[in-house]
Amino acid sequence: MTNKEITISEAQQQVDHWIKTIGVRYFSELTNMAILTEEVGELARIMARKYGDQSFKKSDEKYDMADEMADVLWVLICLANQTGVNLNEAFLKNIEKKTNRDKDRHQDNEKLK
């Protein structure tokens, strides 16, 4: 394993290459949406136990929070690739949208102070 950093675009390319050479083909978009939901659920399970009020069970030992986050990212990238979404462009547009919409909102929120 390396400590190499990659861009979002590179991640999309790597996932696509892996799917086409090792994974054979993408699962259907609907199947991947269900898998994404499952992966988010596994992450939520860890978060509820680590930061919430639930205690860990023996069966929870197999879960690794970083790995579950990577699983979520993987399936999200699969969905982006399948539907023609450039996540790099989408993310930059999303940051701009949030910045314009919320530039004063959070600064003025007494709950955050």
PDB file of N, CA and C in Angstrom:
ATOM      1  N   MET A   1       0.842  -1.181   0.000  1.00  0.00           N
ATOM      2  CA  MET A   1       0.000   0.000   0.000  1.00  0.00           C
ATOM      3  C   MET A   1       0.886   1.243   0.000  1.00  0.00           C
ATOM      4  N   THR A   2       0.505   2.221  -0.782  1.00  0.00           N
ATOM      5  CA  THR A   2       1.284   3.446  -0.856  1.00  0.00           C
ATOM      6  C   THR A   2       0.523   4.597  -0.217  1.00  0.00           C
ATOM      7  N   ASN A   3       1.231   5.668   0.043  1.00  0.00           N
ATOM      8  CA  ASN A   3       0.616   6.874   0.585  1.00  0.00           C
ATOM      9  C   ASN A   3       0.341   7.887  -0.515  1.00  0.00           C
ATOM     10  N   LYS A   4       0.222   7.409  -1.736  1.00  0.00           N
ATOM     11  CA  LYS A   4      -0.007   8.289  -2.879  1.00  0.00           C
ATOM     12  C   LYS A   4      -1.388   8.943  -2.794  1.00  0.00           C
ATOM     13  N   GLU A   5      -1.405  10.236  -3.058  1.00  0.00           N
ATOM     14  CA  GLU A   5      -2.681  10.933  -3.126  1.00  0.00           C
ATOM     15  C   GLU A   5      -3.147  10.948  -4.568  1.00  0.00           C
ATOM     16  N   ILE A   6      -4.465  10.860  -4.759  1.00  0.00           N
ATOM     17  CA  ILE A   6      -5.015  10.907  -6.101  1.00  0.00           C
ATOM     18  C   ILE A   6      -6.137  11.937  -6.156  1.00  0.00           C
ATOM     19  N   THR A   7      -6.392  12.423  -7.343  1.00  0.00           N
ATOM     20  CA  THR A   7      -7.489  13.367  -7.528  1.00  0.00           C
ATOM     21  C   THR A   7      -8.801  12.607  -7.638  1.00  0.00           C
ATOM     22  N   ILE A   8      -9.877  13.324  -7.569  1.00  0.00           N
ATOM     23  CA  ILE A   8     -11.192  12.702  -7.752  1.00  0.00           C
ATOM     24  C   ILE A   8     -11.281  12.108  -9.160  1.00  0.00           C
ATOM     25  N   SER A   9     -10.791  12.827 -10.148  1.00  0.00           N
ATOM     26  CA  SER A   9     -10.816  12.322 -11.528  1.00  0.00           C
ATOM     27  C   SER A   9     -10.001  11.043 -11.662  1.00  0.00           C
ATOM     28  N   GLU A  10      -8.842  11.003 -11.011  1.00  0.00           N
ATOM     29  CA  GLU A  10      -8.024   9.792 -11.042  1.00  0.00           C
ATOM     30  C   GLU A  10      -8.737   8.628 -10.365  1.00  0.00           C
ATOM     31  N   ALA A  11      -9.432   8.916  -9.276  1.00  0.00           N
ATOM     32  CA  ALA A  11     -10.184   7.868  -8.582  1.00  0.00           C
ATOM     33  C   ALA A  11     -11.271   7.314  -9.498  1.00  0.00           C
ATOM     34  N   GLN A  12     -11.955   8.193 -10.216  1.00  0.00           N
ATOM     35  CA  GLN A  12     -12.983   7.731 -11.147  1.00  0.00           C
ATOM     36  C   GLN A  12     -12.360   6.845 -12.226  1.00  0.00           C
ATOM     37  N   GLN A  13     -11.198   7.231 -12.724  1.00  0.00           N
ATOM     38  CA  GLN A  13     -10.527   6.431 -13.746  1.00  0.00           C
ATOM     39  C   GLN A  13     -10.067   5.091 -13.190  1.00  0.00           C
ATOM     40  N   GLN A  14      -9.536   5.084 -11.980  1.00  0.00           N
ATOM     41  CA  GLN A  14      -9.054   3.832 -11.378  1.00  0.00           C
ATOM     42  C   GLN A  14     -10.195   2.857 -11.125  1.00  0.00           C
ATOM     43  N   VAL A  15     -11.304   3.366 -10.628  1.00  0.00           N
ATOM     44  CA  VAL A  15     -12.463   2.503 -10.392  1.00  0.00           C
ATOM     45  C   VAL A  15     -12.955   1.936 -11.724  1.00  0.00           C
ATOM     46  N   ASP A  16     -13.046   2.788 -12.737  1.00  0.00           N
ATOM     47  CA  ASP A  16     -13.511   2.323 -14.048  1.00  0.00           C
ATOM     48  C   ASP A  16     -12.590   1.236 -14.599  1.00  0.00           C
ATOM     49  N   HIS A  17     -11.286   1.449 -14.484  1.00  0.00           N
ATOM     50  CA  HIS A  17     -10.317   0.461 -14.963  1.00  0.00           C
ATOM     51  C   HIS A  17     -10.476  -0.854 -14.193  1.00  0.00           C
ATOM     52  N   TRP A  18     -10.611  -0.776 -12.881  1.00  0.00           N
ATOM     53  CA  TRP A  18     -10.764  -1.978 -12.066  1.00  0.00           C
ATOM     54  C   TRP A  18     -12.027  -2.735 -12.448  1.00  0.00           C
ATOM     55  N   ILE A  19     -13.128  -2.010 -12.578  1.00  0.00           N
ATOM     56  CA  ILE A  19     -14.395  -2.647 -12.937  1.00  0.00           C
ATOM     57  C   ILE A  19     -14.270  -3.377 -14.271  1.00  0.00           C
ATOM     58  N   LYS A  20     -13.654  -2.733 -15.235  1.00  0.00           N
ATOM     59  CA  LYS A  20     -13.580  -3.308 -16.586  1.00  0.00           C
ATOM     60  C   LYS A  20     -12.547  -4.426 -16.722  1.00  0.00           C
ATOM     61  N   THR A  21     -11.561  -4.477 -15.829  1.00  0.00           N
ATOM     62  CA  THR A  21     -10.523  -5.502 -15.948  1.00  0.00           C
ATOM     63  C   THR A  21     -10.649  -6.611 -14.908  1.00  0.00           C
ATOM     64  N   ILE A  22     -11.156  -6.302 -13.731  1.00  0.00           N
ATOM     65  CA  ILE A  22     -11.257  -7.286 -12.657  1.00  0.00           C
ATOM     66  C   ILE A  22     -12.721  -7.576 -12.312  1.00  0.00           C
ATOM     67  N   GLY A  23     -13.518  -6.544 -12.274  1.00  0.00           N
ATOM     68  CA  GLY A  23     -14.914  -6.692 -11.882  1.00  0.00           C
ATOM     69  C   GLY A  23     -15.833  -7.154 -13.001  1.00  0.00           C
ATOM     70  N   VAL A  24     -15.337  -7.285 -14.197  1.00  0.00           N
ATOM     71  CA  VAL A  24     -16.057  -7.718 -15.402  1.00  0.00           C
ATOM     72  C   VAL A  24     -16.952  -6.623 -15.961  1.00  0.00           C
ATOM     73  N   ARG A  25     -17.876  -6.120 -15.145  1.00  0.00           N
ATOM     74  CA  ARG A  25     -18.754  -5.030 -15.571  1.00  0.00           C
ATOM     75  C   ARG A  25     -19.361  -4.381 -14.337  1.00  0.00           C
ATOM     76  N   TYR A  26     -19.925  -3.200 -14.539  1.00  0.00           N
ATOM     77  CA  TYR A  26     -20.633  -2.531 -13.453  1.00  0.00           C
ATOM     78  C   TYR A  26     -21.914  -3.291 -13.132  1.00  0.00           C
ATOM     79  N   PHE A  27     -22.283  -3.325 -11.851  1.00  0.00           N
ATOM     80  CA  PHE A  27     -23.624  -3.758 -11.488  1.00  0.00           C
ATOM     81  C   PHE A  27     -24.581  -2.697 -12.017  1.00  0.00           C
ATOM     82  N   SER A  28     -25.848  -3.007 -12.111  1.00  0.00           N
ATOM     83  CA  SER A  28     -26.814  -2.008 -12.567  1.00  0.00           C
ATOM     84  C   SER A  28     -26.835  -0.827 -11.598  1.00  0.00           C
ATOM     85  N   GLU A  29     -27.285   0.301 -12.093  1.00  0.00           N
ATOM     86  CA  GLU A  29     -27.357   1.506 -11.262  1.00  0.00           C
ATOM     87  C   GLU A  29     -28.226   1.268 -10.025  1.00  0.00           C
ATOM     88  N   LEU A  30     -29.329   0.574 -10.207  1.00  0.00           N
ATOM     89  CA  LEU A  30     -30.219   0.320  -9.069  1.00  0.00           C
ATOM     90  C   LEU A  30     -29.555  -0.599  -8.050  1.00  0.00           C
ATOM     91  N   THR A  31     -28.841  -1.618  -8.530  1.00  0.00           N
ATOM     92  CA  THR A  31     -28.114  -2.496  -7.621  1.00  0.00           C
ATOM     93  C   THR A  31     -27.049  -1.701  -6.869  1.00  0.00           C
ATOM     94  N   ASN A  32     -26.322  -0.842  -7.577  1.00  0.00           N
ATOM     95  CA  ASN A  32     -25.296  -0.035  -6.906  1.00  0.00           C
ATOM     96  C   ASN A  32     -25.904   0.940  -5.915  1.00  0.00           C
ATOM     97  N   MET A  33     -27.093   1.452  -6.206  1.00  0.00           N
ATOM     98  CA  MET A  33     -27.749   2.337  -5.237  1.00  0.00           C
ATOM     99  C   MET A  33     -28.085   1.561  -3.968  1.00  0.00           C
ATOM    100  N   ALA A  34     -28.546   0.328  -4.124  1.00  0.00           N
ATOM    101  CA  ALA A  34     -28.838  -0.503  -2.951  1.00  0.00           C
ATOM    102  C   ALA A  34     -27.555  -0.825  -2.187  1.00  0.00           C
ATOM    103  N   ILE A  35     -26.475  -1.106  -2.909  1.00  0.00           N
ATOM    104  CA  ILE A  35     -25.189  -1.388  -2.262  1.00  0.00           C
ATOM    105  C   ILE A  35     -24.686  -0.152  -1.525  1.00  0.00           C
ATOM    106  N   LEU A  36     -24.851   1.028  -2.136  1.00  0.00           N
ATOM    107  CA  LEU A  36     -24.440   2.269  -1.472  1.00  0.00           C
ATOM    108  C   LEU A  36     -25.186   2.433  -0.154  1.00  0.00           C
ATOM    109  N   THR A  37     -26.471   2.172  -0.181  1.00  0.00           N
ATOM    110  CA  THR A  37     -27.281   2.276   1.034  1.00  0.00           C
ATOM    111  C   THR A  37     -26.794   1.293   2.091  1.00  0.00           C
ATOM    112  N   GLU A  38     -26.461   0.080   1.667  1.00  0.00           N
ATOM    113  CA  GLU A  38     -25.929  -0.922   2.586  1.00  0.00           C
ATOM    114  C   GLU A  38     -24.605  -0.465   3.198  1.00  0.00           C
ATOM    115  N   GLU A  39     -23.717   0.081   2.364  1.00  0.00           N
ATOM    116  CA  GLU A  39     -22.417   0.534   2.854  1.00  0.00           C
ATOM    117  C   GLU A  39     -22.563   1.715   3.820  1.00  0.00           C
ATOM    118  N   VAL A  40     -23.472   2.632   3.524  1.00  0.00           N
ATOM    119  CA  VAL A  40     -23.721   3.752   4.436  1.00  0.00           C
ATOM    120  C   VAL A  40     -24.260   3.218   5.760  1.00  0.00           C
ATOM    121  N   GLY A  41     -25.085   2.187   5.698  1.00  0.00           N
ATOM    122  CA  GLY A  41     -25.600   1.565   6.913  1.00  0.00           C
ATOM    123  C   GLY A  41     -24.493   0.960   7.761  1.00  0.00           C
ATOM    124  N   GLU A  42     -23.525   0.318   7.109  1.00  0.00           N
ATOM    125  CA  GLU A  42     -22.399  -0.260   7.848  1.00  0.00           C
ATOM    126  C   GLU A  42     -21.568   0.845   8.502  1.00  0.00           C
ATOM    127  N   LEU A  43     -21.394   1.945   7.810  1.00  0.00           N
ATOM    128  CA  LEU A  43     -20.681   3.085   8.395  1.00  0.00           C
ATOM    129  C   LEU A  43     -21.482   3.659   9.566  1.00  0.00           C
ATOM    130  N   ALA A  44     -22.786   3.783   9.384  1.00  0.00           N
ATOM    131  CA  ALA A  44     -23.639   4.307  10.453  1.00  0.00           C
ATOM    132  C   ALA A  44     -23.573   3.427  11.695  1.00  0.00           C
ATOM    133  N   ARG A  45     -23.488   2.123  11.496  1.00  0.00           N
ATOM    134  CA  ARG A  45     -23.385   1.184  12.617  1.00  0.00           C
ATOM    135  C   ARG A  45     -22.135   1.490  13.453  1.00  0.00           C
ATOM    136  N   ILE A  46     -21.021   1.681  12.782  1.00  0.00           N
ATOM    137  CA  ILE A  46     -19.769   1.989  13.497  1.00  0.00           C
ATOM    138  C   ILE A  46     -19.882   3.335  14.203  1.00  0.00           C
ATOM    139  N   MET A  47     -20.408   4.331  13.507  1.00  0.00           N
ATOM    140  CA  MET A  47     -20.525   5.675  14.088  1.00  0.00           C
ATOM    141  C   MET A  47     -21.430   5.655  15.320  1.00  0.00           C
ATOM    142  N   ALA A  48     -22.541   4.910  15.249  1.00  0.00           N
ATOM    143  CA  ALA A  48     -23.472   4.850  16.374  1.00  0.00           C
ATOM    144  C   ALA A  48     -22.824   4.221  17.597  1.00  0.00           C
ATOM    145  N   ARG A  49     -21.916   3.278  17.347  1.00  0.00           N
ATOM    146  CA  ARG A  49     -21.264   2.606  18.459  1.00  0.00           C
ATOM    147  C   ARG A  49     -20.055   3.385  18.980  1.00  0.00           C
ATOM    148  N   LYS A  50     -19.325   3.998  18.071  1.00  0.00           N
ATOM    149  CA  LYS A  50     -18.114   4.722  18.488  1.00  0.00           C
ATOM    150  C   LYS A  50     -18.451   6.100  19.074  1.00  0.00           C
ATOM    151  N   TYR A  51     -19.399   6.808  18.457  1.00  0.00           N
ATOM    152  CA  TYR A  51     -19.690   8.183  18.882  1.00  0.00           C
ATOM    153  C   TYR A  51     -21.075   8.344  19.489  1.00  0.00           C
ATOM    154  N   GLY A  52     -21.908   7.339  19.330  1.00  0.00           N
ATOM    155  CA  GLY A  52     -23.267   7.406  19.852  1.00  0.00           C
ATOM    156  C   GLY A  52     -23.398   6.637  21.154  1.00  0.00           C
ATOM    157  N   ASP A  53     -24.615   6.242  21.435  1.00  0.00           N
ATOM    158  CA  ASP A  53     -24.927   5.629  22.713  1.00  0.00           C
ATOM    159  C   ASP A  53     -24.881   4.107  22.702  1.00  0.00           C
ATOM    160  N   GLN A  54     -24.764   3.513  21.526  1.00  0.00           N
ATOM    161  CA  GLN A  54     -24.731   2.060  21.471  1.00  0.00           C
ATOM    162  C   GLN A  54     -23.355   1.524  21.821  1.00  0.00           C
ATOM    163  N   SER A  55     -23.331   0.335  22.406  1.00  0.00           N
ATOM    164  CA  SER A  55     -22.058  -0.305  22.732  1.00  0.00           C
ATOM    165  C   SER A  55     -21.701  -1.291  21.625  1.00  0.00           C
ATOM    166  N   PHE A  56     -20.408  -1.554  21.512  1.00  0.00           N
ATOM    167  CA  PHE A  56     -19.930  -2.499  20.505  1.00  0.00           C
ATOM    168  C   PHE A  56     -20.324  -3.912  20.899  1.00  0.00           C
ATOM    169  N   LYS A  57     -20.617  -4.716  19.875  1.00  0.00           N
ATOM    170  CA  LYS A  57     -20.866  -6.143  20.064  1.00  0.00           C
ATOM    171  C   LYS A  57     -19.699  -6.896  19.432  1.00  0.00           C
ATOM    172  N   LYS A  58     -19.570  -8.141  19.760  1.00  0.00           N
ATOM    173  CA  LYS A  58     -18.498  -8.968  19.216  1.00  0.00           C
ATOM    174  C   LYS A  58     -18.518  -8.936  17.686  1.00  0.00           C
ATOM    175  N   SER A  59     -19.700  -8.952  17.095  1.00  0.00           N
ATOM    176  CA  SER A  59     -19.822  -8.971  15.630  1.00  0.00           C
ATOM    177  C   SER A  59     -19.391  -7.658  14.986  1.00  0.00           C
ATOM    178  N   ASP A  60     -19.238  -6.603  15.780  1.00  0.00           N
ATOM    179  CA  ASP A  60     -18.819  -5.301  15.250  1.00  0.00           C
ATOM    180  C   ASP A  60     -17.313  -5.212  15.042  1.00  0.00           C
ATOM    181  N   GLU A  61     -16.555  -6.157  15.611  1.00  0.00           N
ATOM    182  CA  GLU A  61     -15.104  -6.093  15.538  1.00  0.00           C
ATOM    183  C   GLU A  61     -14.582  -6.169  14.108  1.00  0.00           C
ATOM    184  N   LYS A  62     -15.359  -6.739  13.210  1.00  0.00           N
ATOM    185  CA  LYS A  62     -14.906  -6.893  11.823  1.00  0.00           C
ATOM    186  C   LYS A  62     -14.977  -5.576  11.043  1.00  0.00           C
ATOM    187  N   TYR A  63     -15.677  -4.598  11.574  1.00  0.00           N
ATOM    188  CA  TYR A  63     -15.858  -3.341  10.859  1.00  0.00           C
ATOM    189  C   TYR A  63     -14.723  -2.364  11.143  1.00  0.00           C
ATOM    190  N   ASP A  64     -14.281  -1.689  10.095  1.00  0.00           N
ATOM    191  CA  ASP A  64     -13.222  -0.689  10.165  1.00  0.00           C
ATOM    192  C   ASP A  64     -13.804   0.590   9.562  1.00  0.00           C
ATOM    193  N   MET A  65     -13.879   1.653  10.344  1.00  0.00           N
ATOM    194  CA  MET A  65     -14.534   2.879   9.902  1.00  0.00           C
ATOM    195  C   MET A  65     -13.931   3.432   8.614  1.00  0.00           C
ATOM    196  N   ALA A  66     -12.603   3.479   8.522  1.00  0.00           N
ATOM    197  CA  ALA A  66     -11.968   4.011   7.313  1.00  0.00           C
ATOM    198  C   ALA A  66     -12.301   3.149   6.099  1.00  0.00           C
ATOM    199  N   ASP A  67     -12.292   1.844   6.275  1.00  0.00           N
ATOM    200  CA  ASP A  67     -12.616   0.937   5.173  1.00  0.00           C
ATOM    201  C   ASP A  67     -14.069   1.101   4.749  1.00  0.00           C
ATOM    202  N   GLU A  68     -14.956   1.299   5.711  1.00  0.00           N
ATOM    203  CA  GLU A  68     -16.377   1.498   5.371  1.00  0.00           C
ATOM    204  C   GLU A  68     -16.570   2.814   4.624  1.00  0.00           C
ATOM    205  N   MET A  69     -15.834   3.854   5.019  1.00  0.00           N
ATOM    206  CA  MET A  69     -15.914   5.117   4.283  1.00  0.00           C
ATOM    207  C   MET A  69     -15.409   4.929   2.855  1.00  0.00           C
ATOM    208  N   ALA A  70     -14.334   4.163   2.706  1.00  0.00           N
ATOM    209  CA  ALA A  70     -13.808   3.888   1.363  1.00  0.00           C
ATOM    210  C   ALA A  70     -14.806   3.086   0.538  1.00  0.00           C
ATOM    211  N   ASP A  71     -15.519   2.149   1.163  1.00  0.00           N
ATOM    212  CA  ASP A  71     -16.559   1.401   0.448  1.00  0.00           C
ATOM    213  C   ASP A  71     -17.652   2.335  -0.056  1.00  0.00           C
ATOM    214  N   VAL A  72     -18.063   3.281   0.782  1.00  0.00           N
ATOM    215  CA  VAL A  72     -19.078   4.261   0.378  1.00  0.00           C
ATOM    216  C   VAL A  72     -18.574   5.058  -0.824  1.00  0.00           C
ATOM    217  N   LEU A  73     -17.336   5.527  -0.736  1.00  0.00           N
ATOM    218  CA  LEU A  73     -16.745   6.311  -1.825  1.00  0.00           C
ATOM    219  C   LEU A  73     -16.665   5.482  -3.107  1.00  0.00           C
ATOM    220  N   TRP A  74     -16.240   4.237  -2.994  1.00  0.00           N
ATOM    221  CA  TRP A  74     -16.120   3.341  -4.155  1.00  0.00           C
ATOM    222  C   TRP A  74     -17.452   3.233  -4.898  1.00  0.00           C
ATOM    223  N   VAL A  75     -18.503   2.921  -4.157  1.00  0.00           N
ATOM    224  CA  VAL A  75     -19.800   2.713  -4.810  1.00  0.00           C
ATOM    225  C   VAL A  75     -20.341   4.040  -5.358  1.00  0.00           C
ATOM    226  N   LEU A  76     -20.108   5.131  -4.663  1.00  0.00           N
ATOM    227  CA  LEU A  76     -20.513   6.437  -5.175  1.00  0.00           C
ATOM    228  C   LEU A  76     -19.791   6.737  -6.487  1.00  0.00           C
ATOM    229  N   ILE A  77     -18.513   6.424  -6.554  1.00  0.00           N
ATOM    230  CA  ILE A  77     -17.749   6.617  -7.797  1.00  0.00           C
ATOM    231  C   ILE A  77     -18.301   5.718  -8.899  1.00  0.00           C
ATOM    232  N   CYS A  78     -18.644   4.487  -8.558  1.00  0.00           N
ATOM    233  CA  CYS A  78     -19.262   3.604  -9.559  1.00  0.00           C
ATOM    234  C   CYS A  78     -20.519   4.246 -10.132  1.00  0.00           C
ATOM    235  N   LEU A  79     -21.371   4.752  -9.271  1.00  0.00           N
ATOM    236  CA  LEU A  79     -22.610   5.384  -9.730  1.00  0.00           C
ATOM    237  C   LEU A  79     -22.325   6.610 -10.598  1.00  0.00           C
ATOM    238  N   ALA A  80     -21.345   7.395 -10.204  1.00  0.00           N
ATOM    239  CA  ALA A  80     -20.975   8.570 -11.005  1.00  0.00           C
ATOM    240  C   ALA A  80     -20.499   8.130 -12.384  1.00  0.00           C
ATOM    241  N   ASN A  81     -19.632   7.131 -12.431  1.00  0.00           N
ATOM    242  CA  ASN A  81     -19.131   6.647 -13.713  1.00  0.00           C
ATOM    243  C   ASN A  81     -20.266   6.135 -14.590  1.00  0.00           C
ATOM    244  N   GLN A  82     -21.178   5.402 -14.003  1.00  0.00           N
ATOM    245  CA  GLN A  82     -22.277   4.817 -14.767  1.00  0.00           C
ATOM    246  C   GLN A  82     -23.234   5.858 -15.319  1.00  0.00           C
ATOM    247  N   THR A  83     -23.383   6.941 -14.606  1.00  0.00           N
ATOM    248  CA  THR A  83     -24.373   7.946 -14.995  1.00  0.00           C
ATOM    249  C   THR A  83     -23.743   9.164 -15.667  1.00  0.00           C
ATOM    250  N   GLY A  84     -22.441   9.099 -15.917  1.00  0.00           N
ATOM    251  CA  GLY A  84     -21.770  10.172 -16.639  1.00  0.00           C
ATOM    252  C   GLY A  84     -21.505  11.426 -15.821  1.00  0.00           C
ATOM    253  N   VAL A  85     -21.453  11.284 -14.511  1.00  0.00           N
ATOM    254  CA  VAL A  85     -21.195  12.435 -13.640  1.00  0.00           C
ATOM    255  C   VAL A  85     -19.691  12.576 -13.423  1.00  0.00           C
ATOM    256  N   ASN A  86     -19.172  13.766 -13.699  1.00  0.00           N
ATOM    257  CA  ASN A  86     -17.785  14.095 -13.387  1.00  0.00           C
ATOM    258  C   ASN A  86     -17.796  14.618 -11.957  1.00  0.00           C
ATOM    259  N   LEU A  87     -17.353  13.783 -11.031  1.00  0.00           N
ATOM    260  CA  LEU A  87     -17.420  14.160  -9.616  1.00  0.00           C
ATOM    261  C   LEU A  87     -16.553  15.360  -9.283  1.00  0.00           C
ATOM    262  N   ASN A  88     -15.453  15.537  -9.982  1.00  0.00           N
ATOM    263  CA  ASN A  88     -14.604  16.703  -9.741  1.00  0.00           C
ATOM    264  C   ASN A  88     -15.380  17.987 -10.034  1.00  0.00           C
ATOM    265  N   GLU A  89     -15.987  18.043 -11.210  1.00  0.00           N
ATOM    266  CA  GLU A  89     -16.786  19.222 -11.577  1.00  0.00           C
ATOM    267  C   GLU A  89     -17.968  19.392 -10.639  1.00  0.00           C
ATOM    268  N   ALA A  90     -18.651  18.291 -10.343  1.00  0.00           N
ATOM    269  CA  ALA A  90     -19.829  18.362  -9.481  1.00  0.00           C
ATOM    270  C   ALA A  90     -19.458  18.866  -8.084  1.00  0.00           C
ATOM    271  N   PHE A  91     -18.319  18.392  -7.565  1.00  0.00           N
ATOM    272  CA  PHE A  91     -17.893  18.796  -6.231  1.00  0.00           C
ATOM    273  C   PHE A  91     -17.538  20.280  -6.187  1.00  0.00           C
ATOM    274  N   LEU A  92     -16.812  20.735  -7.199  1.00  0.00           N
ATOM    275  CA  LEU A  92     -16.461  22.163  -7.244  1.00  0.00           C
ATOM    276  C   LEU A  92     -17.697  23.043  -7.352  1.00  0.00           C
ATOM    277  N   LYS A  93     -18.653  22.640  -8.168  1.00  0.00           N
ATOM    278  CA  LYS A  93     -19.913  23.386  -8.281  1.00  0.00           C
ATOM    279  C   LYS A  93     -20.672  23.372  -6.961  1.00  0.00           C
ATOM    280  N   ASN A  94     -20.609  22.242  -6.253  1.00  0.00           N
ATOM    281  CA  ASN A  94     -21.309  22.112  -4.989  1.00  0.00           C
ATOM    282  C   ASN A  94     -20.702  23.024  -3.933  1.00  0.00           C
ATOM    283  N   ILE A  95     -19.384  23.100  -3.895  1.00  0.00           N
ATOM    284  CA  ILE A  95     -18.719  24.013  -2.953  1.00  0.00           C
ATOM    285  C   ILE A  95     -19.122  25.459  -3.250  1.00  0.00           C
ATOM    286  N   GLU A  96     -19.128  25.820  -4.528  1.00  0.00           N
ATOM    287  CA  GLU A  96     -19.515  27.176  -4.911  1.00  0.00           C
ATOM    288  C   GLU A  96     -20.956  27.464  -4.496  1.00  0.00           C
ATOM    289  N   LYS A  97     -21.848  26.501  -4.720  1.00  0.00           N
ATOM    290  CA  LYS A  97     -23.255  26.659  -4.338  1.00  0.00           C
ATOM    291  C   LYS A  97     -23.379  26.878  -2.836  1.00  0.00           C
ATOM    292  N   LYS A  98     -22.712  26.050  -2.065  1.00  0.00           N
ATOM    293  CA  LYS A  98     -22.792  26.162  -0.606  1.00  0.00           C
ATOM    294  C   LYS A  98     -22.182  27.483  -0.117  1.00  0.00           C
ATOM    295  N   THR A  99     -21.092  27.882  -0.728  1.00  0.00           N
ATOM    296  CA  THR A  99     -20.438  29.126  -0.332  1.00  0.00           C
ATOM    297  C   THR A  99     -21.355  30.313  -0.583  1.00  0.00           C
ATOM    298  N   ASN A 100     -21.954  30.361  -1.751  1.00  0.00           N
ATOM    299  CA  ASN A 100     -22.856  31.465  -2.082  1.00  0.00           C
ATOM    300  C   ASN A 100     -24.109  31.449  -1.213  1.00  0.00           C
ATOM    301  N   ARG A 101     -24.650  30.279  -0.982  1.00  0.00           N
ATOM    302  CA  ARG A 101     -25.897  30.157  -0.232  1.00  0.00           C
ATOM    303  C   ARG A 101     -25.689  30.397   1.258  1.00  0.00           C
ATOM    304  N   ASP A 102     -24.564  29.922   1.789  1.00  0.00           N
ATOM    305  CA  ASP A 102     -24.387  29.892   3.243  1.00  0.00           C
ATOM    306  C   ASP A 102     -23.305  30.823   3.763  1.00  0.00           C
ATOM    307  N   LYS A 103     -22.868  31.784   2.939  1.00  0.00           N
ATOM    308  CA  LYS A 103     -21.730  32.621   3.347  1.00  0.00           C
ATOM    309  C   LYS A 103     -21.944  33.319   4.684  1.00  0.00           C
ATOM    310  N   ASP A 104     -23.177  33.683   5.018  1.00  0.00           N
ATOM    311  CA  ASP A 104     -23.454  34.337   6.297  1.00  0.00           C
ATOM    312  C   ASP A 104     -24.234  33.456   7.257  1.00  0.00           C
ATOM    313  N   ARG A 105     -24.909  32.480   6.723  1.00  0.00           N
ATOM    314  CA  ARG A 105     -25.826  31.649   7.503  1.00  0.00           C
ATOM    315  C   ARG A 105     -25.152  31.012   8.725  1.00  0.00           C
ATOM    316  N   HIS A 106     -24.029  30.383   8.543  1.00  0.00           N
ATOM    317  CA  HIS A 106     -23.394  29.692   9.659  1.00  0.00           C
ATOM    318  C   HIS A 106     -22.683  30.662  10.601  1.00  0.00           C
ATOM    319  N   GLN A 107     -22.147  31.736  10.055  1.00  0.00           N
ATOM    320  CA  GLN A 107     -21.493  32.748  10.891  1.00  0.00           C
ATOM    321  C   GLN A 107     -22.493  33.389  11.858  1.00  0.00           C
ATOM    322  N   ASP A 108     -23.739  33.501  11.421  1.00  0.00           N
ATOM    323  CA  ASP A 108     -24.770  34.146  12.223  1.00  0.00           C
ATOM    324  C   ASP A 108     -25.560  33.162  13.091  1.00  0.00           C
ATOM    325  N   ASN A 109     -25.203  31.907  13.036  1.00  0.00           N
ATOM    326  CA  ASN A 109     -25.931  30.871  13.775  1.00  0.00           C
ATOM    327  C   ASN A 109     -25.425  30.784  15.215  1.00  0.00           C
ATOM    328  N   GLU A 110     -26.240  31.224  16.148  1.00  0.00           N
ATOM    329  CA  GLU A 110     -25.859  31.222  17.564  1.00  0.00           C
ATOM    330  C   GLU A 110     -25.594  29.808  18.072  1.00  0.00           C
ATOM    331  N   LYS A 111     -26.227  28.812  17.475  1.00  0.00           N
ATOM    332  CA  LYS A 111     -26.050  27.425  17.904  1.00  0.00           C
ATOM    333  C   LYS A 111     -24.634  26.926  17.651  1.00  0.00           C
ATOM    334  N   LEU A 112     -23.937  27.568  16.736  1.00  0.00           N
ATOM    335  CA  LEU A 112     -22.587  27.124  16.372  1.00  0.00           C
ATOM    336  C   LEU A 112     -21.501  27.876  17.132  1.00  0.00           C
ATOM    337  N   LYS A 113     -21.883  28.816  17.951  1.00  0.00           N
ATOM    338  CA  LYS A 113     -20.883  29.618  18.680  1.00  0.00           C
ATOM    339  C   LYS A 113     -20.608  29.068  20.034  1.00  0.00           C
TER     340      LYS A 113
END
